[in-house]
Amino acid sequence: MSEQWYAVHTRSNFDKRVANDLAMARIESYCPTIERPSTRKDRRLDIQSPLFPGYVFARFSDGPQVRRRIVCSPGVVRILGFNGELEPIPDEEIEAVRRLLTSTHGCSAHPLIREGARVRVCRGALRGIEGVLTKVRNSLRIAVNIELLSQSVIAEVYATDVEPLPMPWRRV
């Protein structure tokens, strides 16, 4: 079986340690980092922090011994998968992350938000407003619905300024 990339879920603030421990165990690992501003009371610093906090990528051939070695590493919570089967990450996606991080364009991680999802604006003048994310001619917009009037108000937003809202529980 060929080696594939997998996402390893780590304890909080254990990303870099897990990546180092996997490398020491001769398992290829990748913990993408970006430079973020960190404000202290007396100064402002730029620090390297994980792009995806709580996750490290590991490349290995799936097998019980390798799986056990990874899961038993200090700080590892689990290897992501579905129904007991590990879910590999395509090489192209890992390579795309690497290329984006080495490019001159600024980048940051952002939760996957699909058109039609309920979102909340978390930054800017519209902070706190909740609505439905729509797309009109390559720009994202938030639609605030007034159900009683069967009308909506739409405003353009940046993808980085919105966060997904949890799905509401429905009683059947």
N, C-alpha and C. Protein backbone atom coordinates (compact mmCIF):
# COMPACT_ATOMS: atom_id res chain seq x y z
N MET A 1 0.85 -1.18 0.00
CA MET A 1 0.00 0.00 0.00
C MET A 1 0.90 1.25 0.00
N SER A 2 0.54 2.24 -0.81
CA SER A 2 1.37 3.44 -0.91
C SER A 2 1.06 4.40 0.24
N GLU A 3 2.01 5.29 0.47
CA GLU A 3 1.84 6.27 1.54
C GLU A 3 0.86 7.35 1.12
N GLN A 4 0.03 7.76 2.08
CA GLN A 4 -0.94 8.82 1.84
C GLN A 4 -0.92 9.78 3.02
N TRP A 5 -1.43 10.98 2.78
CA TRP A 5 -1.52 11.99 3.84
C TRP A 5 -2.80 11.78 4.64
N TYR A 6 -2.69 11.96 5.95
CA TYR A 6 -3.84 11.88 6.85
C TYR A 6 -3.77 13.05 7.82
N ALA A 7 -4.93 13.48 8.33
CA ALA A 7 -4.98 14.55 9.32
C ALA A 7 -4.97 13.94 10.72
N VAL A 8 -4.05 14.40 11.55
CA VAL A 8 -3.94 13.93 12.93
C VAL A 8 -4.43 15.04 13.85
N HIS A 9 -5.46 14.74 14.62
CA HIS A 9 -6.02 15.70 15.57
C HIS A 9 -5.16 15.68 16.82
N THR A 10 -4.75 16.87 17.29
CA THR A 10 -3.87 16.95 18.46
C THR A 10 -4.55 17.69 19.60
N ARG A 11 -3.99 17.54 20.78
CA ARG A 11 -4.45 18.33 21.92
C ARG A 11 -4.09 19.79 21.66
N SER A 12 -4.73 20.67 22.38
CA SER A 12 -4.48 22.10 22.23
C SER A 12 -3.00 22.41 22.48
N ASN A 13 -2.40 23.17 21.58
CA ASN A 13 -1.00 23.62 21.65
C ASN A 13 0.02 22.49 21.57
N PHE A 14 -0.35 21.34 21.02
CA PHE A 14 0.58 20.22 20.86
C PHE A 14 0.98 20.01 19.40
N ASP A 15 0.55 20.89 18.51
CA ASP A 15 0.77 20.70 17.08
C ASP A 15 2.25 20.48 16.74
N LYS A 16 3.08 21.43 17.15
CA LYS A 16 4.50 21.36 16.79
C LYS A 16 5.19 20.17 17.46
N ARG A 17 4.81 19.88 18.70
CA ARG A 17 5.41 18.75 19.41
C ARG A 17 5.06 17.43 18.73
N VAL A 18 3.80 17.27 18.33
CA VAL A 18 3.38 16.05 17.64
C VAL A 18 4.12 15.92 16.32
N ALA A 19 4.26 17.01 15.57
CA ALA A 19 4.99 16.97 14.30
C ALA A 19 6.43 16.53 14.53
N ASN A 20 7.07 17.06 15.57
CA ASN A 20 8.45 16.68 15.88
C ASN A 20 8.53 15.21 16.31
N ASP A 21 7.59 14.76 17.15
CA ASP A 21 7.60 13.37 17.60
C ASP A 21 7.40 12.40 16.43
N LEU A 22 6.53 12.76 15.49
CA LEU A 22 6.32 11.90 14.33
C LEU A 22 7.58 11.85 13.46
N ALA A 23 8.23 12.98 13.31
CA ALA A 23 9.48 13.01 12.53
C ALA A 23 10.55 12.15 13.19
N MET A 24 10.60 12.19 14.52
CA MET A 24 11.57 11.36 15.25
C MET A 24 11.26 9.88 15.06
N ALA A 25 9.98 9.54 14.86
CA ALA A 25 9.58 8.16 14.64
C ALA A 25 9.66 7.79 13.15
N ARG A 26 10.28 8.65 12.36
CA ARG A 26 10.46 8.45 10.91
C ARG A 26 9.14 8.38 10.14
N ILE A 27 8.20 9.19 10.60
CA ILE A 27 6.92 9.35 9.90
C ILE A 27 6.89 10.78 9.38
N GLU A 28 6.74 10.92 8.06
CA GLU A 28 6.73 12.26 7.47
C GLU A 28 5.54 13.04 8.02
N SER A 29 5.81 14.25 8.49
CA SER A 29 4.74 15.07 9.05
C SER A 29 4.86 16.49 8.50
N TYR A 30 3.76 17.19 8.56
CA TYR A 30 3.71 18.56 8.06
C TYR A 30 2.76 19.36 8.94
N CYS A 31 3.30 20.40 9.57
CA CYS A 31 2.51 21.30 10.40
C CYS A 31 2.65 22.69 9.79
N PRO A 32 1.76 23.06 8.86
CA PRO A 32 1.89 24.37 8.22
C PRO A 32 1.71 25.50 9.22
N THR A 33 2.57 26.49 9.13
CA THR A 33 2.50 27.63 10.04
C THR A 33 2.46 28.93 9.25
N ILE A 34 1.88 29.95 9.88
CA ILE A 34 1.88 31.30 9.31
C ILE A 34 2.29 32.27 10.40
N GLU A 35 2.75 33.43 9.96
CA GLU A 35 3.16 34.46 10.91
C GLU A 35 1.93 35.29 11.26
N ARG A 36 1.65 35.38 12.55
CA ARG A 36 0.52 36.15 13.02
C ARG A 36 0.99 37.17 14.04
N PRO A 37 0.34 38.33 14.06
CA PRO A 37 0.71 39.32 15.08
C PRO A 37 0.19 38.87 16.45
N SER A 38 1.02 39.05 17.44
CA SER A 38 0.64 38.73 18.82
C SER A 38 0.85 39.99 19.64
N THR A 39 -0.21 40.51 20.20
CA THR A 39 -0.08 41.74 20.97
C THR A 39 0.09 41.40 22.44
N ARG A 40 1.15 41.90 22.97
CA ARG A 40 1.43 41.80 24.40
C ARG A 40 1.12 43.16 25.02
N LYS A 41 1.13 43.23 26.32
CA LYS A 41 0.83 44.51 26.96
C LYS A 41 1.87 45.57 26.61
N ASP A 42 3.13 45.15 26.50
CA ASP A 42 4.20 46.12 26.30
C ASP A 42 4.79 46.13 24.89
N ARG A 43 4.43 45.16 24.04
CA ARG A 43 5.02 45.11 22.69
C ARG A 43 4.16 44.28 21.74
N ARG A 44 4.49 44.40 20.47
CA ARG A 44 3.81 43.63 19.43
C ARG A 44 4.83 42.71 18.78
N LEU A 45 4.51 41.43 18.73
CA LEU A 45 5.41 40.44 18.15
C LEU A 45 4.73 39.72 16.99
N ASP A 46 5.52 39.27 16.04
CA ASP A 46 5.02 38.38 15.00
C ASP A 46 5.49 36.98 15.36
N ILE A 47 4.55 36.06 15.55
CA ILE A 47 4.90 34.70 15.96
C ILE A 47 4.45 33.70 14.91
N GLN A 48 5.15 32.58 14.83
CA GLN A 48 4.75 31.48 13.94
C GLN A 48 3.70 30.65 14.67
N SER A 49 2.53 30.55 14.11
CA SER A 49 1.50 29.72 14.73
C SER A 49 0.90 28.79 13.68
N PRO A 50 0.36 27.66 14.11
CA PRO A 50 -0.20 26.68 13.16
C PRO A 50 -1.32 27.29 12.31
N LEU A 51 -1.30 26.97 11.04
CA LEU A 51 -2.35 27.42 10.13
C LEU A 51 -3.68 26.78 10.51
N PHE A 52 -3.63 25.49 10.87
CA PHE A 52 -4.82 24.75 11.31
C PHE A 52 -4.58 24.30 12.75
N PRO A 53 -4.88 25.15 13.74
CA PRO A 53 -4.62 24.76 15.13
C PRO A 53 -5.32 23.45 15.49
N GLY A 54 -4.56 22.56 16.12
CA GLY A 54 -5.12 21.28 16.54
C GLY A 54 -4.97 20.17 15.52
N TYR A 55 -4.27 20.44 14.41
CA TYR A 55 -4.10 19.42 13.38
C TYR A 55 -2.69 19.41 12.81
N VAL A 56 -2.20 18.21 12.55
CA VAL A 56 -0.92 17.98 11.89
C VAL A 56 -1.19 16.97 10.79
N PHE A 57 -0.51 17.10 9.66
CA PHE A 57 -0.65 16.14 8.59
C PHE A 57 0.48 15.13 8.68
N ALA A 58 0.15 13.86 8.49
CA ALA A 58 1.15 12.79 8.53
C ALA A 58 0.99 11.94 7.28
N ARG A 59 2.14 11.54 6.72
CA ARG A 59 2.13 10.71 5.50
C ARG A 59 2.66 9.33 5.86
N PHE A 60 1.81 8.30 5.67
CA PHE A 60 2.21 6.94 6.01
C PHE A 60 1.34 5.93 5.29
N SER A 61 1.78 4.70 5.28
CA SER A 61 0.98 3.59 4.78
C SER A 61 0.15 3.08 5.94
N ASP A 62 -1.15 3.04 5.77
CA ASP A 62 -2.03 2.64 6.86
C ASP A 62 -1.80 1.18 7.23
N GLY A 63 -1.64 0.97 8.51
CA GLY A 63 -1.48 -0.36 9.06
C GLY A 63 -1.62 -0.27 10.56
N PRO A 64 -1.97 -1.37 11.23
CA PRO A 64 -2.21 -1.30 12.67
C PRO A 64 -0.99 -0.84 13.48
N GLN A 65 0.22 -1.24 13.07
CA GLN A 65 1.41 -0.85 13.84
C GLN A 65 1.69 0.65 13.72
N VAL A 66 1.59 1.17 12.50
CA VAL A 66 1.85 2.59 12.29
C VAL A 66 0.75 3.42 12.97
N ARG A 67 -0.48 2.97 12.81
CA ARG A 67 -1.61 3.66 13.44
C ARG A 67 -1.42 3.75 14.96
N ARG A 68 -1.03 2.62 15.56
CA ARG A 68 -0.82 2.57 17.01
C ARG A 68 0.31 3.51 17.42
N ARG A 69 1.40 3.51 16.63
CA ARG A 69 2.55 4.37 16.97
C ARG A 69 2.14 5.84 16.95
N ILE A 70 1.29 6.22 16.00
CA ILE A 70 0.85 7.62 15.90
C ILE A 70 -0.10 7.96 17.03
N VAL A 71 -1.12 7.14 17.24
CA VAL A 71 -2.14 7.44 18.25
C VAL A 71 -1.55 7.42 19.66
N CYS A 72 -0.50 6.64 19.88
CA CYS A 72 0.11 6.57 21.21
C CYS A 72 1.14 7.69 21.45
N SER A 73 1.38 8.52 20.45
CA SER A 73 2.30 9.65 20.63
C SER A 73 1.68 10.66 21.58
N PRO A 74 2.49 11.27 22.45
CA PRO A 74 1.95 12.27 23.39
C PRO A 74 1.31 13.44 22.64
N GLY A 75 0.10 13.80 23.02
CA GLY A 75 -0.60 14.92 22.42
C GLY A 75 -1.53 14.56 21.27
N VAL A 76 -1.47 13.31 20.78
CA VAL A 76 -2.35 12.90 19.68
C VAL A 76 -3.71 12.49 20.25
N VAL A 77 -4.77 13.02 19.66
CA VAL A 77 -6.13 12.66 20.07
C VAL A 77 -6.63 11.51 19.20
N ARG A 78 -6.52 11.68 17.87
CA ARG A 78 -6.97 10.64 16.94
C ARG A 78 -6.52 10.98 15.53
N ILE A 79 -6.68 10.03 14.64
CA ILE A 79 -6.46 10.25 13.22
C ILE A 79 -7.84 10.36 12.60
N LEU A 80 -8.06 11.40 11.82
CA LEU A 80 -9.40 11.64 11.29
C LEU A 80 -9.82 10.59 10.28
N GLY A 81 -11.08 10.22 10.37
CA GLY A 81 -11.65 9.23 9.46
C GLY A 81 -13.14 9.16 9.68
N PHE A 82 -13.73 8.12 9.08
CA PHE A 82 -15.17 7.96 9.15
C PHE A 82 -15.49 6.48 9.30
N ASN A 83 -16.33 6.14 10.27
CA ASN A 83 -16.73 4.75 10.53
C ASN A 83 -15.55 3.82 10.73
N GLY A 84 -14.55 4.25 11.46
CA GLY A 84 -13.39 3.41 11.75
C GLY A 84 -12.37 3.33 10.64
N GLU A 85 -12.64 3.92 9.50
CA GLU A 85 -11.71 3.93 8.37
C GLU A 85 -11.04 5.30 8.30
N LEU A 86 -9.71 5.31 8.13
CA LEU A 86 -9.01 6.57 7.99
C LEU A 86 -9.36 7.21 6.66
N GLU A 87 -9.43 8.54 6.66
CA GLU A 87 -9.79 9.28 5.45
C GLU A 87 -8.54 9.98 4.93
N PRO A 88 -7.98 9.52 3.80
CA PRO A 88 -6.77 10.16 3.27
C PRO A 88 -7.06 11.54 2.68
N ILE A 89 -6.02 12.37 2.68
CA ILE A 89 -6.09 13.70 2.08
C ILE A 89 -5.31 13.63 0.77
N PRO A 90 -5.90 14.08 -0.33
CA PRO A 90 -5.18 14.03 -1.61
C PRO A 90 -3.88 14.82 -1.57
N ASP A 91 -2.84 14.27 -2.21
CA ASP A 91 -1.54 14.94 -2.27
C ASP A 91 -1.67 16.35 -2.82
N GLU A 92 -2.58 16.55 -3.78
CA GLU A 92 -2.76 17.85 -4.41
C GLU A 92 -3.17 18.92 -3.40
N GLU A 93 -3.99 18.55 -2.41
CA GLU A 93 -4.43 19.51 -1.42
C GLU A 93 -3.28 19.93 -0.51
N ILE A 94 -2.45 18.98 -0.11
CA ILE A 94 -1.29 19.31 0.73
C ILE A 94 -0.32 20.19 -0.08
N GLU A 95 -0.10 19.84 -1.33
CA GLU A 95 0.80 20.62 -2.19
C GLU A 95 0.26 22.03 -2.40
N ALA A 96 -1.06 22.17 -2.54
CA ALA A 96 -1.66 23.49 -2.70
C ALA A 96 -1.44 24.35 -1.46
N VAL A 97 -1.58 23.76 -0.28
CA VAL A 97 -1.33 24.50 0.97
C VAL A 97 0.13 24.95 1.00
N ARG A 98 1.05 24.07 0.66
CA ARG A 98 2.48 24.43 0.65
C ARG A 98 2.75 25.58 -0.31
N ARG A 99 2.17 25.51 -1.50
CA ARG A 99 2.39 26.56 -2.50
C ARG A 99 1.81 27.89 -2.04
N LEU A 100 0.63 27.85 -1.44
CA LEU A 100 0.02 29.09 -0.95
C LEU A 100 0.88 29.74 0.14
N LEU A 101 1.42 28.91 1.03
CA LEU A 101 2.22 29.45 2.12
C LEU A 101 3.56 30.01 1.66
N THR A 102 4.09 29.51 0.54
CA THR A 102 5.36 30.03 0.04
C THR A 102 5.16 31.17 -0.95
N SER A 103 3.92 31.46 -1.31
CA SER A 103 3.66 32.55 -2.25
C SER A 103 3.76 33.88 -1.51
N THR A 104 3.79 34.96 -2.27
CA THR A 104 3.88 36.29 -1.67
C THR A 104 2.52 36.82 -1.24
N HIS A 105 1.46 36.11 -1.60
CA HIS A 105 0.12 36.53 -1.20
C HIS A 105 -0.11 36.16 0.27
N GLY A 106 -0.74 37.05 1.01
CA GLY A 106 -1.09 36.72 2.38
C GLY A 106 -2.20 35.71 2.40
N CYS A 107 -2.14 34.76 3.30
CA CYS A 107 -3.22 33.77 3.38
C CYS A 107 -3.47 33.42 4.84
N SER A 108 -4.64 32.87 5.08
CA SER A 108 -5.00 32.43 6.42
C SER A 108 -6.03 31.32 6.29
N ALA A 109 -6.18 30.54 7.34
CA ALA A 109 -7.18 29.47 7.35
C ALA A 109 -8.55 30.09 7.57
N HIS A 110 -9.54 29.47 7.00
CA HIS A 110 -10.91 29.96 7.16
C HIS A 110 -11.83 28.76 7.12
N PRO A 111 -12.86 28.74 7.98
CA PRO A 111 -13.77 27.59 7.95
C PRO A 111 -14.47 27.49 6.60
N LEU A 112 -14.72 26.27 6.18
CA LEU A 112 -15.42 26.03 4.92
C LEU A 112 -16.87 26.48 5.10
N ILE A 113 -17.26 27.46 4.30
CA ILE A 113 -18.63 27.96 4.34
C ILE A 113 -19.21 27.85 2.95
N ARG A 114 -20.30 27.17 2.83
CA ARG A 114 -20.94 26.99 1.53
C ARG A 114 -22.05 28.03 1.34
N GLU A 115 -22.32 28.32 0.10
CA GLU A 115 -23.41 29.22 -0.22
C GLU A 115 -24.70 28.67 0.37
N GLY A 116 -25.48 29.53 0.99
CA GLY A 116 -26.72 29.11 1.61
C GLY A 116 -26.60 28.83 3.10
N ALA A 117 -25.36 28.85 3.62
CA ALA A 117 -25.14 28.58 5.04
C ALA A 117 -25.52 29.80 5.88
N ARG A 118 -26.00 29.53 7.09
CA ARG A 118 -26.27 30.63 8.03
C ARG A 118 -24.94 31.05 8.63
N VAL A 119 -24.68 32.37 8.64
CA VAL A 119 -23.42 32.90 9.12
C VAL A 119 -23.65 34.11 10.02
N ARG A 120 -22.59 34.47 10.75
CA ARG A 120 -22.58 35.67 11.58
C ARG A 120 -21.36 36.49 11.17
N VAL A 121 -21.54 37.79 11.00
CA VAL A 121 -20.41 38.66 10.70
C VAL A 121 -19.63 38.87 12.00
N CYS A 122 -18.32 38.59 11.96
CA CYS A 122 -17.52 38.67 13.19
C CYS A 122 -16.57 39.86 13.22
N ARG A 123 -16.47 40.61 12.11
CA ARG A 123 -15.59 41.79 12.07
C ARG A 123 -16.23 42.88 11.22
N GLY A 124 -15.80 44.09 11.47
CA GLY A 124 -16.24 45.20 10.63
C GLY A 124 -17.52 45.86 11.13
N ALA A 125 -18.03 46.75 10.30
CA ALA A 125 -19.20 47.54 10.68
C ALA A 125 -20.45 46.70 10.88
N LEU A 126 -20.52 45.53 10.24
CA LEU A 126 -21.70 44.67 10.35
C LEU A 126 -21.57 43.61 11.43
N ARG A 127 -20.57 43.73 12.28
CA ARG A 127 -20.30 42.72 13.32
C ARG A 127 -21.56 42.38 14.12
N GLY A 128 -21.79 41.06 14.28
CA GLY A 128 -22.92 40.58 15.06
C GLY A 128 -24.16 40.27 14.24
N ILE A 129 -24.22 40.73 13.01
CA ILE A 129 -25.39 40.47 12.16
C ILE A 129 -25.35 39.02 11.68
N GLU A 130 -26.50 38.37 11.72
CA GLU A 130 -26.63 37.00 11.26
C GLU A 130 -27.49 36.97 10.01
N GLY A 131 -27.15 36.06 9.10
CA GLY A 131 -27.92 35.95 7.88
C GLY A 131 -27.51 34.74 7.08
N VAL A 132 -27.89 34.72 5.82
CA VAL A 132 -27.60 33.61 4.91
C VAL A 132 -26.57 34.09 3.89
N LEU A 133 -25.53 33.29 3.66
CA LEU A 133 -24.48 33.64 2.73
C LEU A 133 -24.94 33.34 1.30
N THR A 134 -24.83 34.33 0.44
CA THR A 134 -25.17 34.16 -0.97
C THR A 134 -24.00 34.63 -1.82
N LYS A 135 -24.05 34.29 -3.09
CA LYS A 135 -22.98 34.70 -4.00
C LYS A 135 -23.61 35.35 -5.22
N VAL A 136 -23.15 36.55 -5.52
CA VAL A 136 -23.66 37.28 -6.67
C VAL A 136 -22.46 37.80 -7.46
N ARG A 137 -22.32 37.34 -8.69
CA ARG A 137 -21.22 37.77 -9.58
C ARG A 137 -19.87 37.76 -8.88
N ASN A 138 -19.45 36.62 -8.38
CA ASN A 138 -18.14 36.40 -7.77
C ASN A 138 -17.89 37.19 -6.49
N SER A 139 -18.91 37.75 -5.87
CA SER A 139 -18.71 38.39 -4.57
C SER A 139 -19.69 37.79 -3.57
N LEU A 140 -19.25 37.70 -2.33
CA LEU A 140 -20.09 37.13 -1.29
C LEU A 140 -20.97 38.21 -0.67
N ARG A 141 -22.17 37.82 -0.34
CA ARG A 141 -23.10 38.76 0.28
C ARG A 141 -23.82 38.04 1.42
N ILE A 142 -24.22 38.82 2.40
CA ILE A 142 -25.02 38.27 3.49
C ILE A 142 -26.43 38.80 3.30
N ALA A 143 -27.39 37.91 3.37
CA ALA A 143 -28.79 38.28 3.22
C ALA A 143 -29.47 38.16 4.57
N VAL A 144 -30.05 39.25 5.03
CA VAL A 144 -30.81 39.24 6.27
C VAL A 144 -32.28 39.23 5.87
N ASN A 145 -32.96 38.16 6.25
CA ASN A 145 -34.36 37.98 5.84
C ASN A 145 -35.33 38.54 6.87
N ILE A 146 -36.34 39.24 6.38
CA ILE A 146 -37.46 39.67 7.21
C ILE A 146 -38.63 38.81 6.74
N GLU A 147 -38.82 37.68 7.43
CA GLU A 147 -39.80 36.68 6.99
C GLU A 147 -41.21 37.25 6.88
N LEU A 148 -41.63 38.05 7.85
CA LEU A 148 -42.99 38.57 7.87
C LEU A 148 -43.29 39.40 6.61
N LEU A 149 -42.28 40.12 6.12
CA LEU A 149 -42.46 40.96 4.94
C LEU A 149 -42.10 40.25 3.64
N SER A 150 -41.56 39.04 3.75
CA SER A 150 -41.05 38.30 2.59
C SER A 150 -40.04 39.15 1.81
N GLN A 151 -39.16 39.80 2.55
CA GLN A 151 -38.14 40.66 1.96
C GLN A 151 -36.78 40.34 2.59
N SER A 152 -35.71 40.74 1.88
CA SER A 152 -34.36 40.56 2.38
C SER A 152 -33.56 41.84 2.17
N VAL A 153 -32.58 42.02 3.01
CA VAL A 153 -31.61 43.09 2.84
C VAL A 153 -30.28 42.40 2.60
N ILE A 154 -29.57 42.83 1.55
CA ILE A 154 -28.32 42.16 1.18
C ILE A 154 -27.17 43.16 1.25
N ALA A 155 -26.05 42.72 1.84
CA ALA A 155 -24.84 43.55 1.91
C ALA A 155 -23.64 42.71 1.53
N GLU A 156 -22.66 43.31 0.88
CA GLU A 156 -21.44 42.60 0.48
C GLU A 156 -20.54 42.45 1.70
N VAL A 157 -19.94 41.26 1.83
CA VAL A 157 -19.03 40.98 2.94
C VAL A 157 -17.80 40.24 2.42
N TYR A 158 -16.73 40.29 3.18
CA TYR A 158 -15.54 39.51 2.88
C TYR A 158 -15.69 38.14 3.53
N ALA A 159 -15.20 37.11 2.86
CA ALA A 159 -15.30 35.75 3.40
C ALA A 159 -14.62 35.64 4.75
N THR A 160 -13.54 36.40 4.95
CA THR A 160 -12.81 36.32 6.22
C THR A 160 -13.53 37.01 7.37
N ASP A 161 -14.59 37.76 7.06
CA ASP A 161 -15.32 38.48 8.10
C ASP A 161 -16.55 37.74 8.60
N VAL A 162 -16.81 36.54 8.09
CA VAL A 162 -17.97 35.78 8.54
C VAL A 162 -17.55 34.44 9.13
N GLU A 163 -18.37 33.95 10.04
CA GLU A 163 -18.15 32.64 10.63
C GLU A 163 -19.44 31.84 10.54
N PRO A 164 -19.33 30.54 10.35
CA PRO A 164 -20.56 29.73 10.24
C PRO A 164 -21.26 29.64 11.58
N LEU A 165 -22.57 29.59 11.53
CA LEU A 165 -23.36 29.39 12.74
C LEU A 165 -23.67 27.91 12.88
N PRO A 166 -23.73 27.41 14.10
CA PRO A 166 -24.08 25.99 14.26
C PRO A 166 -25.50 25.74 13.76
N MET A 167 -25.70 24.54 13.24
CA MET A 167 -27.02 24.16 12.75
C MET A 167 -27.98 24.09 13.93
N PRO A 168 -29.16 24.67 13.80
CA PRO A 168 -30.12 24.60 14.91
C PRO A 168 -30.70 23.20 15.04
N TRP A 169 -30.95 22.81 16.28
CA TRP A 169 -31.58 21.51 16.53
C TRP A 169 -33.04 21.62 16.16
N ARG A 170 -33.52 20.63 15.44
CA ARG A 170 -34.92 20.62 15.05
C ARG A 170 -35.64 19.50 15.77
N ARG A 171 -36.81 19.80 16.24
CA ARG A 171 -37.65 18.76 16.85
C ARG A 171 -38.56 18.22 15.78
N VAL A 172 -38.65 16.90 15.74
CA VAL A 172 -39.50 16.26 14.73
C VAL A 172 -40.74 15.74 15.37
